[in-house]
PDBML (XML) file of the C-alpha atoms, coordinates in Angstrom:
<?xml version="1.0" encoding="UTF-8" ?>
<PDBx:datablock datablockName="MODEL"
   xmlns:PDBx="http://pdbml.pdb.org/schema/pdbx-v50.xsd"
   xmlns:xsi="http://www.w3.org/2001/XMLSchema-instance"
   xsi:schemaLocation="http://pdbml.pdb.org/schema/pdbx-v50.xsd pdbx-v50.xsd">
   <PDBx:atom_siteCategory>
      <PDBx:atom_site id="1">
         <PDBx:B_iso_or_equiv>0.00</PDBx:B_iso_or_equiv>
         <PDBx:Cartn_x>-0.725</PDBx:Cartn_x>
         <PDBx:Cartn_y>4.241</PDBx:Cartn_y>
         <PDBx:Cartn_z>-6.461</PDBx:Cartn_z>
         <PDBx:auth_asym_id>A</PDBx:auth_asym_id>
         <PDBx:auth_atom_id>CA</PDBx:auth_atom_id>
         <PDBx:auth_comp_id>THR</PDBx:auth_comp_id>
         <PDBx:auth_seq_id>1</PDBx:auth_seq_id>
         <PDBx:group_PDB>ATOM</PDBx:group_PDB>
         <PDBx:label_alt_id xsi:nil="true" />
         <PDBx:label_asym_id>A</PDBx:label_asym_id>
         <PDBx:label_atom_id>CA</PDBx:label_atom_id>
         <PDBx:label_comp_id>THR</PDBx:label_comp_id>
         <PDBx:label_entity_id>1</PDBx:label_entity_id>
         <PDBx:label_seq_id>1</PDBx:label_seq_id>
         <PDBx:occupancy>1.00</PDBx:occupancy>
         <PDBx:pdbx_PDB_model_num>1</PDBx:pdbx_PDB_model_num>
         <PDBx:type_symbol>C</PDBx:type_symbol>
      </PDBx:atom_site>
      <PDBx:atom_site id="2">
         <PDBx:B_iso_or_equiv>0.00</PDBx:B_iso_or_equiv>
         <PDBx:Cartn_x>-1.341</PDBx:Cartn_x>
         <PDBx:Cartn_y>1.521</PDBx:Cartn_y>
         <PDBx:Cartn_z>-3.852</PDBx:Cartn_z>
         <PDBx:auth_asym_id>A</PDBx:auth_asym_id>
         <PDBx:auth_atom_id>CA</PDBx:auth_atom_id>
         <PDBx:auth_comp_id>GLY</PDBx:auth_comp_id>
         <PDBx:auth_seq_id>2</PDBx:auth_seq_id>
         <PDBx:group_PDB>ATOM</PDBx:group_PDB>
         <PDBx:label_alt_id xsi:nil="true" />
         <PDBx:label_asym_id>A</PDBx:label_asym_id>
         <PDBx:label_atom_id>CA</PDBx:label_atom_id>
         <PDBx:label_comp_id>GLY</PDBx:label_comp_id>
         <PDBx:label_entity_id>1</PDBx:label_entity_id>
         <PDBx:label_seq_id>2</PDBx:label_seq_id>
         <PDBx:occupancy>1.00</PDBx:occupancy>
         <PDBx:pdbx_PDB_model_num>1</PDBx:pdbx_PDB_model_num>
         <PDBx:type_symbol>C</PDBx:type_symbol>
      </PDBx:atom_site>
      <PDBx:atom_site id="3">
         <PDBx:B_iso_or_equiv>0.00</PDBx:B_iso_or_equiv>
         <PDBx:Cartn_x>0.978</PDBx:Cartn_x>
         <PDBx:Cartn_y>-1.389</PDBx:Cartn_y>
         <PDBx:Cartn_z>-3.145</PDBx:Cartn_z>
         <PDBx:auth_asym_id>A</PDBx:auth_asym_id>
         <PDBx:auth_atom_id>CA</PDBx:auth_atom_id>
         <PDBx:auth_comp_id>SER</PDBx:auth_comp_id>
         <PDBx:auth_seq_id>3</PDBx:auth_seq_id>
         <PDBx:group_PDB>ATOM</PDBx:group_PDB>
         <PDBx:label_alt_id xsi:nil="true" />
         <PDBx:label_asym_id>A</PDBx:label_asym_id>
         <PDBx:label_atom_id>CA</PDBx:label_atom_id>
         <PDBx:label_comp_id>SER</PDBx:label_comp_id>
         <PDBx:label_entity_id>1</PDBx:label_entity_id>
         <PDBx:label_seq_id>3</PDBx:label_seq_id>
         <PDBx:occupancy>1.00</PDBx:occupancy>
         <PDBx:pdbx_PDB_model_num>1</PDBx:pdbx_PDB_model_num>
         <PDBx:type_symbol>C</PDBx:type_symbol>
      </PDBx:atom_site>
      <PDBx:atom_site id="4">
         <PDBx:B_iso_or_equiv>0.00</PDBx:B_iso_or_equiv>
         <PDBx:Cartn_x>-1.812</PDBx:Cartn_x>
         <PDBx:Cartn_y>-3.837</PDBx:Cartn_y>
         <PDBx:Cartn_z>-4.019</PDBx:Cartn_z>
         <PDBx:auth_asym_id>A</PDBx:auth_asym_id>
         <PDBx:auth_atom_id>CA</PDBx:auth_atom_id>
         <PDBx:auth_comp_id>LEU</PDBx:auth_comp_id>
         <PDBx:auth_seq_id>4</PDBx:auth_seq_id>
         <PDBx:group_PDB>ATOM</PDBx:group_PDB>
         <PDBx:label_alt_id xsi:nil="true" />
         <PDBx:label_asym_id>A</PDBx:label_asym_id>
         <PDBx:label_atom_id>CA</PDBx:label_atom_id>
         <PDBx:label_comp_id>LEU</PDBx:label_comp_id>
         <PDBx:label_entity_id>1</PDBx:label_entity_id>
         <PDBx:label_seq_id>4</PDBx:label_seq_id>
         <PDBx:occupancy>1.00</PDBx:occupancy>
         <PDBx:pdbx_PDB_model_num>1</PDBx:pdbx_PDB_model_num>
         <PDBx:type_symbol>C</PDBx:type_symbol>
      </PDBx:atom_site>
      <PDBx:atom_site id="5">
         <PDBx:B_iso_or_equiv>0.00</PDBx:B_iso_or_equiv>
         <PDBx:Cartn_x>-5.262</PDBx:Cartn_x>
         <PDBx:Cartn_y>-3.718</PDBx:Cartn_y>
         <PDBx:Cartn_z>-5.580</PDBx:Cartn_z>
         <PDBx:auth_asym_id>A</PDBx:auth_asym_id>
         <PDBx:auth_atom_id>CA</PDBx:auth_atom_id>
         <PDBx:auth_comp_id>VAL</PDBx:auth_comp_id>
         <PDBx:auth_seq_id>5</PDBx:auth_seq_id>
         <PDBx:group_PDB>ATOM</PDBx:group_PDB>
         <PDBx:label_alt_id xsi:nil="true" />
         <PDBx:label_asym_id>A</PDBx:label_asym_id>
         <PDBx:label_atom_id>CA</PDBx:label_atom_id>
         <PDBx:label_comp_id>VAL</PDBx:label_comp_id>
         <PDBx:label_entity_id>1</PDBx:label_entity_id>
         <PDBx:label_seq_id>5</PDBx:label_seq_id>
         <PDBx:occupancy>1.00</PDBx:occupancy>
         <PDBx:pdbx_PDB_model_num>1</PDBx:pdbx_PDB_model_num>
         <PDBx:type_symbol>C</PDBx:type_symbol>
      </PDBx:atom_site>
      <PDBx:atom_site id="6">
         <PDBx:B_iso_or_equiv>0.00</PDBx:B_iso_or_equiv>
         <PDBx:Cartn_x>-7.817</PDBx:Cartn_x>
         <PDBx:Cartn_y>-3.958</PDBx:Cartn_y>
         <PDBx:Cartn_z>-2.785</PDBx:Cartn_z>
         <PDBx:auth_asym_id>A</PDBx:auth_asym_id>
         <PDBx:auth_atom_id>CA</PDBx:auth_atom_id>
         <PDBx:auth_comp_id>ARG</PDBx:auth_comp_id>
         <PDBx:auth_seq_id>6</PDBx:auth_seq_id>
         <PDBx:group_PDB>ATOM</PDBx:group_PDB>
         <PDBx:label_alt_id xsi:nil="true" />
         <PDBx:label_asym_id>A</PDBx:label_asym_id>
         <PDBx:label_atom_id>CA</PDBx:label_atom_id>
         <PDBx:label_comp_id>ARG</PDBx:label_comp_id>
         <PDBx:label_entity_id>1</PDBx:label_entity_id>
         <PDBx:label_seq_id>6</PDBx:label_seq_id>
         <PDBx:occupancy>1.00</PDBx:occupancy>
         <PDBx:pdbx_PDB_model_num>1</PDBx:pdbx_PDB_model_num>
         <PDBx:type_symbol>C</PDBx:type_symbol>
      </PDBx:atom_site>
      <PDBx:atom_site id="7">
         <PDBx:B_iso_or_equiv>0.00</PDBx:B_iso_or_equiv>
         <PDBx:Cartn_x>-11.546</PDBx:Cartn_x>
         <PDBx:Cartn_y>-4.509</PDBx:Cartn_y>
         <PDBx:Cartn_z>-3.257</PDBx:Cartn_z>
         <PDBx:auth_asym_id>A</PDBx:auth_asym_id>
         <PDBx:auth_atom_id>CA</PDBx:auth_atom_id>
         <PDBx:auth_comp_id>LEU</PDBx:auth_comp_id>
         <PDBx:auth_seq_id>7</PDBx:auth_seq_id>
         <PDBx:group_PDB>ATOM</PDBx:group_PDB>
         <PDBx:label_alt_id xsi:nil="true" />
         <PDBx:label_asym_id>A</PDBx:label_asym_id>
         <PDBx:label_atom_id>CA</PDBx:label_atom_id>
         <PDBx:label_comp_id>LEU</PDBx:label_comp_id>
         <PDBx:label_entity_id>1</PDBx:label_entity_id>
         <PDBx:label_seq_id>7</PDBx:label_seq_id>
         <PDBx:occupancy>1.00</PDBx:occupancy>
         <PDBx:pdbx_PDB_model_num>1</PDBx:pdbx_PDB_model_num>
         <PDBx:type_symbol>C</PDBx:type_symbol>
      </PDBx:atom_site>
      <PDBx:atom_site id="8">
         <PDBx:B_iso_or_equiv>0.00</PDBx:B_iso_or_equiv>
         <PDBx:Cartn_x>-14.186</PDBx:Cartn_x>
         <PDBx:Cartn_y>-4.916</PDBx:Cartn_y>
         <PDBx:Cartn_z>-0.537</PDBx:Cartn_z>
         <PDBx:auth_asym_id>A</PDBx:auth_asym_id>
         <PDBx:auth_atom_id>CA</PDBx:auth_atom_id>
         <PDBx:auth_comp_id>PRO</PDBx:auth_comp_id>
         <PDBx:auth_seq_id>8</PDBx:auth_seq_id>
         <PDBx:group_PDB>ATOM</PDBx:group_PDB>
         <PDBx:label_alt_id xsi:nil="true" />
         <PDBx:label_asym_id>A</PDBx:label_asym_id>
         <PDBx:label_atom_id>CA</PDBx:label_atom_id>
         <PDBx:label_comp_id>PRO</PDBx:label_comp_id>
         <PDBx:label_entity_id>1</PDBx:label_entity_id>
         <PDBx:label_seq_id>8</PDBx:label_seq_id>
         <PDBx:occupancy>1.00</PDBx:occupancy>
         <PDBx:pdbx_PDB_model_num>1</PDBx:pdbx_PDB_model_num>
         <PDBx:type_symbol>C</PDBx:type_symbol>
      </PDBx:atom_site>
      <PDBx:atom_site id="9">
         <PDBx:B_iso_or_equiv>0.00</PDBx:B_iso_or_equiv>
         <PDBx:Cartn_x>-14.826</PDBx:Cartn_x>
         <PDBx:Cartn_y>-8.475</PDBx:Cartn_y>
         <PDBx:Cartn_z>0.596</PDBx:Cartn_z>
         <PDBx:auth_asym_id>A</PDBx:auth_asym_id>
         <PDBx:auth_atom_id>CA</PDBx:auth_atom_id>
         <PDBx:auth_comp_id>GLY</PDBx:auth_comp_id>
         <PDBx:auth_seq_id>9</PDBx:auth_seq_id>
         <PDBx:group_PDB>ATOM</PDBx:group_PDB>
         <PDBx:label_alt_id xsi:nil="true" />
         <PDBx:label_asym_id>A</PDBx:label_asym_id>
         <PDBx:label_atom_id>CA</PDBx:label_atom_id>
         <PDBx:label_comp_id>GLY</PDBx:label_comp_id>
         <PDBx:label_entity_id>1</PDBx:label_entity_id>
         <PDBx:label_seq_id>9</PDBx:label_seq_id>
         <PDBx:occupancy>1.00</PDBx:occupancy>
         <PDBx:pdbx_PDB_model_num>1</PDBx:pdbx_PDB_model_num>
         <PDBx:type_symbol>C</PDBx:type_symbol>
      </PDBx:atom_site>
      <PDBx:atom_site id="10">
         <PDBx:B_iso_or_equiv>0.00</PDBx:B_iso_or_equiv>
         <PDBx:Cartn_x>-17.403</PDBx:Cartn_x>
         <PDBx:Cartn_y>-10.170</PDBx:Cartn_y>
         <PDBx:Cartn_z>2.841</PDBx:Cartn_z>
         <PDBx:auth_asym_id>A</PDBx:auth_asym_id>
         <PDBx:auth_atom_id>CA</PDBx:auth_atom_id>
         <PDBx:auth_comp_id>PRO</PDBx:auth_comp_id>
         <PDBx:auth_seq_id>10</PDBx:auth_seq_id>
         <PDBx:group_PDB>ATOM</PDBx:group_PDB>
         <PDBx:label_alt_id xsi:nil="true" />
         <PDBx:label_asym_id>A</PDBx:label_asym_id>
         <PDBx:label_atom_id>CA</PDBx:label_atom_id>
         <PDBx:label_comp_id>PRO</PDBx:label_comp_id>
         <PDBx:label_entity_id>1</PDBx:label_entity_id>
         <PDBx:label_seq_id>10</PDBx:label_seq_id>
         <PDBx:occupancy>1.00</PDBx:occupancy>
         <PDBx:pdbx_PDB_model_num>1</PDBx:pdbx_PDB_model_num>
         <PDBx:type_symbol>C</PDBx:type_symbol>
      </PDBx:atom_site>
      <PDBx:atom_site id="11">
         <PDBx:B_iso_or_equiv>0.00</PDBx:B_iso_or_equiv>
         <PDBx:Cartn_x>-16.092</PDBx:Cartn_x>
         <PDBx:Cartn_y>-8.180</PDBx:Cartn_y>
         <PDBx:Cartn_z>5.830</PDBx:Cartn_z>
         <PDBx:auth_asym_id>A</PDBx:auth_asym_id>
         <PDBx:auth_atom_id>CA</PDBx:auth_atom_id>
         <PDBx:auth_comp_id>SER</PDBx:auth_comp_id>
         <PDBx:auth_seq_id>11</PDBx:auth_seq_id>
         <PDBx:group_PDB>ATOM</PDBx:group_PDB>
         <PDBx:label_alt_id xsi:nil="true" />
         <PDBx:label_asym_id>A</PDBx:label_asym_id>
         <PDBx:label_atom_id>CA</PDBx:label_atom_id>
         <PDBx:label_comp_id>SER</PDBx:label_comp_id>
         <PDBx:label_entity_id>1</PDBx:label_entity_id>
         <PDBx:label_seq_id>11</PDBx:label_seq_id>
         <PDBx:occupancy>1.00</PDBx:occupancy>
         <PDBx:pdbx_PDB_model_num>1</PDBx:pdbx_PDB_model_num>
         <PDBx:type_symbol>C</PDBx:type_symbol>
      </PDBx:atom_site>
      <PDBx:atom_site id="12">
         <PDBx:B_iso_or_equiv>0.00</PDBx:B_iso_or_equiv>
         <PDBx:Cartn_x>-13.765</PDBx:Cartn_x>
         <PDBx:Cartn_y>-5.248</PDBx:Cartn_y>
         <PDBx:Cartn_z>6.476</PDBx:Cartn_z>
         <PDBx:auth_asym_id>A</PDBx:auth_asym_id>
         <PDBx:auth_atom_id>CA</PDBx:auth_atom_id>
         <PDBx:auth_comp_id>ILE</PDBx:auth_comp_id>
         <PDBx:auth_seq_id>12</PDBx:auth_seq_id>
         <PDBx:group_PDB>ATOM</PDBx:group_PDB>
         <PDBx:label_alt_id xsi:nil="true" />
         <PDBx:label_asym_id>A</PDBx:label_asym_id>
         <PDBx:label_atom_id>CA</PDBx:label_atom_id>
         <PDBx:label_comp_id>ILE</PDBx:label_comp_id>
         <PDBx:label_entity_id>1</PDBx:label_entity_id>
         <PDBx:label_seq_id>12</PDBx:label_seq_id>
         <PDBx:occupancy>1.00</PDBx:occupancy>
         <PDBx:pdbx_PDB_model_num>1</PDBx:pdbx_PDB_model_num>
         <PDBx:type_symbol>C</PDBx:type_symbol>
      </PDBx:atom_site>
      <PDBx:atom_site id="13">
         <PDBx:B_iso_or_equiv>0.00</PDBx:B_iso_or_equiv>
         <PDBx:Cartn_x>-11.027</PDBx:Cartn_x>
         <PDBx:Cartn_y>-7.669</PDBx:Cartn_y>
         <PDBx:Cartn_z>7.536</PDBx:Cartn_z>
         <PDBx:auth_asym_id>A</PDBx:auth_asym_id>
         <PDBx:auth_atom_id>CA</PDBx:auth_atom_id>
         <PDBx:auth_comp_id>THR</PDBx:auth_comp_id>
         <PDBx:auth_seq_id>13</PDBx:auth_seq_id>
         <PDBx:group_PDB>ATOM</PDBx:group_PDB>
         <PDBx:label_alt_id xsi:nil="true" />
         <PDBx:label_asym_id>A</PDBx:label_asym_id>
         <PDBx:label_atom_id>CA</PDBx:label_atom_id>
         <PDBx:label_comp_id>THR</PDBx:label_comp_id>
         <PDBx:label_entity_id>1</PDBx:label_entity_id>
         <PDBx:label_seq_id>13</PDBx:label_seq_id>
         <PDBx:occupancy>1.00</PDBx:occupancy>
         <PDBx:pdbx_PDB_model_num>1</PDBx:pdbx_PDB_model_num>
         <PDBx:type_symbol>C</PDBx:type_symbol>
      </PDBx:atom_site>
      <PDBx:atom_site id="14">
         <PDBx:B_iso_or_equiv>0.00</PDBx:B_iso_or_equiv>
         <PDBx:Cartn_x>-11.442</PDBx:Cartn_x>
         <PDBx:Cartn_y>-9.864</PDBx:Cartn_y>
         <PDBx:Cartn_z>4.436</PDBx:Cartn_z>
         <PDBx:auth_asym_id>A</PDBx:auth_asym_id>
         <PDBx:auth_atom_id>CA</PDBx:auth_atom_id>
         <PDBx:auth_comp_id>GLN</PDBx:auth_comp_id>
         <PDBx:auth_seq_id>14</PDBx:auth_seq_id>
         <PDBx:group_PDB>ATOM</PDBx:group_PDB>
         <PDBx:label_alt_id xsi:nil="true" />
         <PDBx:label_asym_id>A</PDBx:label_asym_id>
         <PDBx:label_atom_id>CA</PDBx:label_atom_id>
         <PDBx:label_comp_id>GLN</PDBx:label_comp_id>
         <PDBx:label_entity_id>1</PDBx:label_entity_id>
         <PDBx:label_seq_id>14</PDBx:label_seq_id>
         <PDBx:occupancy>1.00</PDBx:occupancy>
         <PDBx:pdbx_PDB_model_num>1</PDBx:pdbx_PDB_model_num>
         <PDBx:type_symbol>C</PDBx:type_symbol>
      </PDBx:atom_site>
      <PDBx:atom_site id="15">
         <PDBx:B_iso_or_equiv>0.00</PDBx:B_iso_or_equiv>
         <PDBx:Cartn_x>-10.760</PDBx:Cartn_x>
         <PDBx:Cartn_y>-7.707</PDBx:Cartn_y>
         <PDBx:Cartn_z>1.371</PDBx:Cartn_z>
         <PDBx:auth_asym_id>A</PDBx:auth_asym_id>
         <PDBx:auth_atom_id>CA</PDBx:auth_atom_id>
         <PDBx:auth_comp_id>PRO</PDBx:auth_comp_id>
         <PDBx:auth_seq_id>15</PDBx:auth_seq_id>
         <PDBx:group_PDB>ATOM</PDBx:group_PDB>
         <PDBx:label_alt_id xsi:nil="true" />
         <PDBx:label_asym_id>A</PDBx:label_asym_id>
         <PDBx:label_atom_id>CA</PDBx:label_atom_id>
         <PDBx:label_comp_id>PRO</PDBx:label_comp_id>
         <PDBx:label_entity_id>1</PDBx:label_entity_id>
         <PDBx:label_seq_id>15</PDBx:label_seq_id>
         <PDBx:occupancy>1.00</PDBx:occupancy>
         <PDBx:pdbx_PDB_model_num>1</PDBx:pdbx_PDB_model_num>
         <PDBx:type_symbol>C</PDBx:type_symbol>
      </PDBx:atom_site>
      <PDBx:atom_site id="16">
         <PDBx:B_iso_or_equiv>0.00</PDBx:B_iso_or_equiv>
         <PDBx:Cartn_x>-10.147</PDBx:Cartn_x>
         <PDBx:Cartn_y>-9.182</PDBx:Cartn_y>
         <PDBx:Cartn_z>-2.041</PDBx:Cartn_z>
         <PDBx:auth_asym_id>A</PDBx:auth_asym_id>
         <PDBx:auth_atom_id>CA</PDBx:auth_atom_id>
         <PDBx:auth_comp_id>ASN</PDBx:auth_comp_id>
         <PDBx:auth_seq_id>16</PDBx:auth_seq_id>
         <PDBx:group_PDB>ATOM</PDBx:group_PDB>
         <PDBx:label_alt_id xsi:nil="true" />
         <PDBx:label_asym_id>A</PDBx:label_asym_id>
         <PDBx:label_atom_id>CA</PDBx:label_atom_id>
         <PDBx:label_comp_id>ASN</PDBx:label_comp_id>
         <PDBx:label_entity_id>1</PDBx:label_entity_id>
         <PDBx:label_seq_id>16</PDBx:label_seq_id>
         <PDBx:occupancy>1.00</PDBx:occupancy>
         <PDBx:pdbx_PDB_model_num>1</PDBx:pdbx_PDB_model_num>
         <PDBx:type_symbol>C</PDBx:type_symbol>
      </PDBx:atom_site>
      <PDBx:atom_site id="17">
         <PDBx:B_iso_or_equiv>0.00</PDBx:B_iso_or_equiv>
         <PDBx:Cartn_x>-6.488</PDBx:Cartn_x>
         <PDBx:Cartn_y>-8.448</PDBx:Cartn_y>
         <PDBx:Cartn_z>-2.828</PDBx:Cartn_z>
         <PDBx:auth_asym_id>A</PDBx:auth_asym_id>
         <PDBx:auth_atom_id>CA</PDBx:auth_atom_id>
         <PDBx:auth_comp_id>VAL</PDBx:auth_comp_id>
         <PDBx:auth_seq_id>17</PDBx:auth_seq_id>
         <PDBx:group_PDB>ATOM</PDBx:group_PDB>
         <PDBx:label_alt_id xsi:nil="true" />
         <PDBx:label_asym_id>A</PDBx:label_asym_id>
         <PDBx:label_atom_id>CA</PDBx:label_atom_id>
         <PDBx:label_comp_id>VAL</PDBx:label_comp_id>
         <PDBx:label_entity_id>1</PDBx:label_entity_id>
         <PDBx:label_seq_id>17</PDBx:label_seq_id>
         <PDBx:occupancy>1.00</PDBx:occupancy>
         <PDBx:pdbx_PDB_model_num>1</PDBx:pdbx_PDB_model_num>
         <PDBx:type_symbol>C</PDBx:type_symbol>
      </PDBx:atom_site>
      <PDBx:atom_site id="18">
         <PDBx:B_iso_or_equiv>0.00</PDBx:B_iso_or_equiv>
         <PDBx:Cartn_x>-4.776</PDBx:Cartn_x>
         <PDBx:Cartn_y>-8.629</PDBx:Cartn_y>
         <PDBx:Cartn_z>-6.211</PDBx:Cartn_z>
         <PDBx:auth_asym_id>A</PDBx:auth_asym_id>
         <PDBx:auth_atom_id>CA</PDBx:auth_atom_id>
         <PDBx:auth_comp_id>TYR</PDBx:auth_comp_id>
         <PDBx:auth_seq_id>18</PDBx:auth_seq_id>
         <PDBx:group_PDB>ATOM</PDBx:group_PDB>
         <PDBx:label_alt_id xsi:nil="true" />
         <PDBx:label_asym_id>A</PDBx:label_asym_id>
         <PDBx:label_atom_id>CA</PDBx:label_atom_id>
         <PDBx:label_comp_id>TYR</PDBx:label_comp_id>
         <PDBx:label_entity_id>1</PDBx:label_entity_id>
         <PDBx:label_seq_id>18</PDBx:label_seq_id>
         <PDBx:occupancy>1.00</PDBx:occupancy>
         <PDBx:pdbx_PDB_model_num>1</PDBx:pdbx_PDB_model_num>
         <PDBx:type_symbol>C</PDBx:type_symbol>
      </PDBx:atom_site>
      <PDBx:atom_site id="19">
         <PDBx:B_iso_or_equiv>0.00</PDBx:B_iso_or_equiv>
         <PDBx:Cartn_x>-1.436</PDBx:Cartn_x>
         <PDBx:Cartn_y>-7.627</PDBx:Cartn_y>
         <PDBx:Cartn_z>-7.713</PDBx:Cartn_z>
         <PDBx:auth_asym_id>A</PDBx:auth_asym_id>
         <PDBx:auth_atom_id>CA</PDBx:auth_atom_id>
         <PDBx:auth_comp_id>GLN</PDBx:auth_comp_id>
         <PDBx:auth_seq_id>19</PDBx:auth_seq_id>
         <PDBx:group_PDB>ATOM</PDBx:group_PDB>
         <PDBx:label_alt_id xsi:nil="true" />
         <PDBx:label_asym_id>A</PDBx:label_asym_id>
         <PDBx:label_atom_id>CA</PDBx:label_atom_id>
         <PDBx:label_comp_id>GLN</PDBx:label_comp_id>
         <PDBx:label_entity_id>1</PDBx:label_entity_id>
         <PDBx:label_seq_id>19</PDBx:label_seq_id>
         <PDBx:occupancy>1.00</PDBx:occupancy>
         <PDBx:pdbx_PDB_model_num>1</PDBx:pdbx_PDB_model_num>
         <PDBx:type_symbol>C</PDBx:type_symbol>
      </PDBx:atom_site>
      <PDBx:atom_site id="20">
         <PDBx:B_iso_or_equiv>0.00</PDBx:B_iso_or_equiv>
         <PDBx:Cartn_x>-1.143</PDBx:Cartn_x>
         <PDBx:Cartn_y>-4.760</PDBx:Cartn_y>
         <PDBx:Cartn_z>-10.153</PDBx:Cartn_z>
         <PDBx:auth_asym_id>A</PDBx:auth_asym_id>
         <PDBx:auth_atom_id>CA</PDBx:auth_atom_id>
         <PDBx:auth_comp_id>PHE</PDBx:auth_comp_id>
         <PDBx:auth_seq_id>20</PDBx:auth_seq_id>
         <PDBx:group_PDB>ATOM</PDBx:group_PDB>
         <PDBx:label_alt_id xsi:nil="true" />
         <PDBx:label_asym_id>A</PDBx:label_asym_id>
         <PDBx:label_atom_id>CA</PDBx:label_atom_id>
         <PDBx:label_comp_id>PHE</PDBx:label_comp_id>
         <PDBx:label_entity_id>1</PDBx:label_entity_id>
         <PDBx:label_seq_id>20</PDBx:label_seq_id>
         <PDBx:occupancy>1.00</PDBx:occupancy>
         <PDBx:pdbx_PDB_model_num>1</PDBx:pdbx_PDB_model_num>
         <PDBx:type_symbol>C</PDBx:type_symbol>
      </PDBx:atom_site>
      <PDBx:atom_site id="21">
         <PDBx:B_iso_or_equiv>0.00</PDBx:B_iso_or_equiv>
         <PDBx:Cartn_x>-0.281</PDBx:Cartn_x>
         <PDBx:Cartn_y>-5.577</PDBx:Cartn_y>
         <PDBx:Cartn_z>-13.770</PDBx:Cartn_z>
         <PDBx:auth_asym_id>A</PDBx:auth_asym_id>
         <PDBx:auth_atom_id>CA</PDBx:auth_atom_id>
         <PDBx:auth_comp_id>ASN</PDBx:auth_comp_id>
         <PDBx:auth_seq_id>21</PDBx:auth_seq_id>
         <PDBx:group_PDB>ATOM</PDBx:group_PDB>
         <PDBx:label_alt_id xsi:nil="true" />
         <PDBx:label_asym_id>A</PDBx:label_asym_id>
         <PDBx:label_atom_id>CA</PDBx:label_atom_id>
         <PDBx:label_comp_id>ASN</PDBx:label_comp_id>
         <PDBx:label_entity_id>1</PDBx:label_entity_id>
         <PDBx:label_seq_id>21</PDBx:label_seq_id>
         <PDBx:occupancy>1.00</PDBx:occupancy>
         <PDBx:pdbx_PDB_model_num>1</PDBx:pdbx_PDB_model_num>
         <PDBx:type_symbol>C</PDBx:type_symbol>
      </PDBx:atom_site>
      <PDBx:atom_site id="22">
         <PDBx:B_iso_or_equiv>0.00</PDBx:B_iso_or_equiv>
         <PDBx:Cartn_x>-0.888</PDBx:Cartn_x>
         <PDBx:Cartn_y>-9.319</PDBx:Cartn_y>
         <PDBx:Cartn_z>-13.259</PDBx:Cartn_z>
         <PDBx:auth_asym_id>A</PDBx:auth_asym_id>
         <PDBx:auth_atom_id>CA</PDBx:auth_atom_id>
         <PDBx:auth_comp_id>LYS</PDBx:auth_comp_id>
         <PDBx:auth_seq_id>22</PDBx:auth_seq_id>
         <PDBx:group_PDB>ATOM</PDBx:group_PDB>
         <PDBx:label_alt_id xsi:nil="true" />
         <PDBx:label_asym_id>A</PDBx:label_asym_id>
         <PDBx:label_atom_id>CA</PDBx:label_atom_id>
         <PDBx:label_comp_id>LYS</PDBx:label_comp_id>
         <PDBx:label_entity_id>1</PDBx:label_entity_id>
         <PDBx:label_seq_id>22</PDBx:label_seq_id>
         <PDBx:occupancy>1.00</PDBx:occupancy>
         <PDBx:pdbx_PDB_model_num>1</PDBx:pdbx_PDB_model_num>
         <PDBx:type_symbol>C</PDBx:type_symbol>
      </PDBx:atom_site>
      <PDBx:atom_site id="23">
         <PDBx:B_iso_or_equiv>0.00</PDBx:B_iso_or_equiv>
         <PDBx:Cartn_x>-4.637</PDBx:Cartn_x>
         <PDBx:Cartn_y>-9.909</PDBx:Cartn_y>
         <PDBx:Cartn_z>-12.841</PDBx:Cartn_z>
         <PDBx:auth_asym_id>A</PDBx:auth_asym_id>
         <PDBx:auth_atom_id>CA</PDBx:auth_atom_id>
         <PDBx:auth_comp_id>VAL</PDBx:auth_comp_id>
         <PDBx:auth_seq_id>23</PDBx:auth_seq_id>
         <PDBx:group_PDB>ATOM</PDBx:group_PDB>
         <PDBx:label_alt_id xsi:nil="true" />
         <PDBx:label_asym_id>A</PDBx:label_asym_id>
         <PDBx:label_atom_id>CA</PDBx:label_atom_id>
         <PDBx:label_comp_id>VAL</PDBx:label_comp_id>
         <PDBx:label_entity_id>1</PDBx:label_entity_id>
         <PDBx:label_seq_id>23</PDBx:label_seq_id>
         <PDBx:occupancy>1.00</PDBx:occupancy>
         <PDBx:pdbx_PDB_model_num>1</PDBx:pdbx_PDB_model_num>
         <PDBx:type_symbol>C</PDBx:type_symbol>
      </PDBx:atom_site>
      <PDBx:atom_site id="24">
         <PDBx:B_iso_or_equiv>0.00</PDBx:B_iso_or_equiv>
         <PDBx:Cartn_x>-7.163</PDBx:Cartn_x>
         <PDBx:Cartn_y>-8.690</PDBx:Cartn_y>
         <PDBx:Cartn_z>-15.413</PDBx:Cartn_z>
         <PDBx:auth_asym_id>A</PDBx:auth_asym_id>
         <PDBx:auth_atom_id>CA</PDBx:auth_atom_id>
         <PDBx:auth_comp_id>SER</PDBx:auth_comp_id>
         <PDBx:auth_seq_id>24</PDBx:auth_seq_id>
         <PDBx:group_PDB>ATOM</PDBx:group_PDB>
         <PDBx:label_alt_id xsi:nil="true" />
         <PDBx:label_asym_id>A</PDBx:label_asym_id>
         <PDBx:label_atom_id>CA</PDBx:label_atom_id>
         <PDBx:label_comp_id>SER</PDBx:label_comp_id>
         <PDBx:label_entity_id>1</PDBx:label_entity_id>
         <PDBx:label_seq_id>24</PDBx:label_seq_id>
         <PDBx:occupancy>1.00</PDBx:occupancy>
         <PDBx:pdbx_PDB_model_num>1</PDBx:pdbx_PDB_model_num>
         <PDBx:type_symbol>C</PDBx:type_symbol>
      </PDBx:atom_site>
   </PDBx:atom_siteCategory>
</PDBx:datablock>
C-alpha cells in the first residue's frame, strides 16, 4: 500500500527505493 517500495540500505537515511509494478 506504500507510495514506493522501500528496503533497508546501508543507513536509516539511505534506503533502497523502487517503484511498484516496474522493478522485478
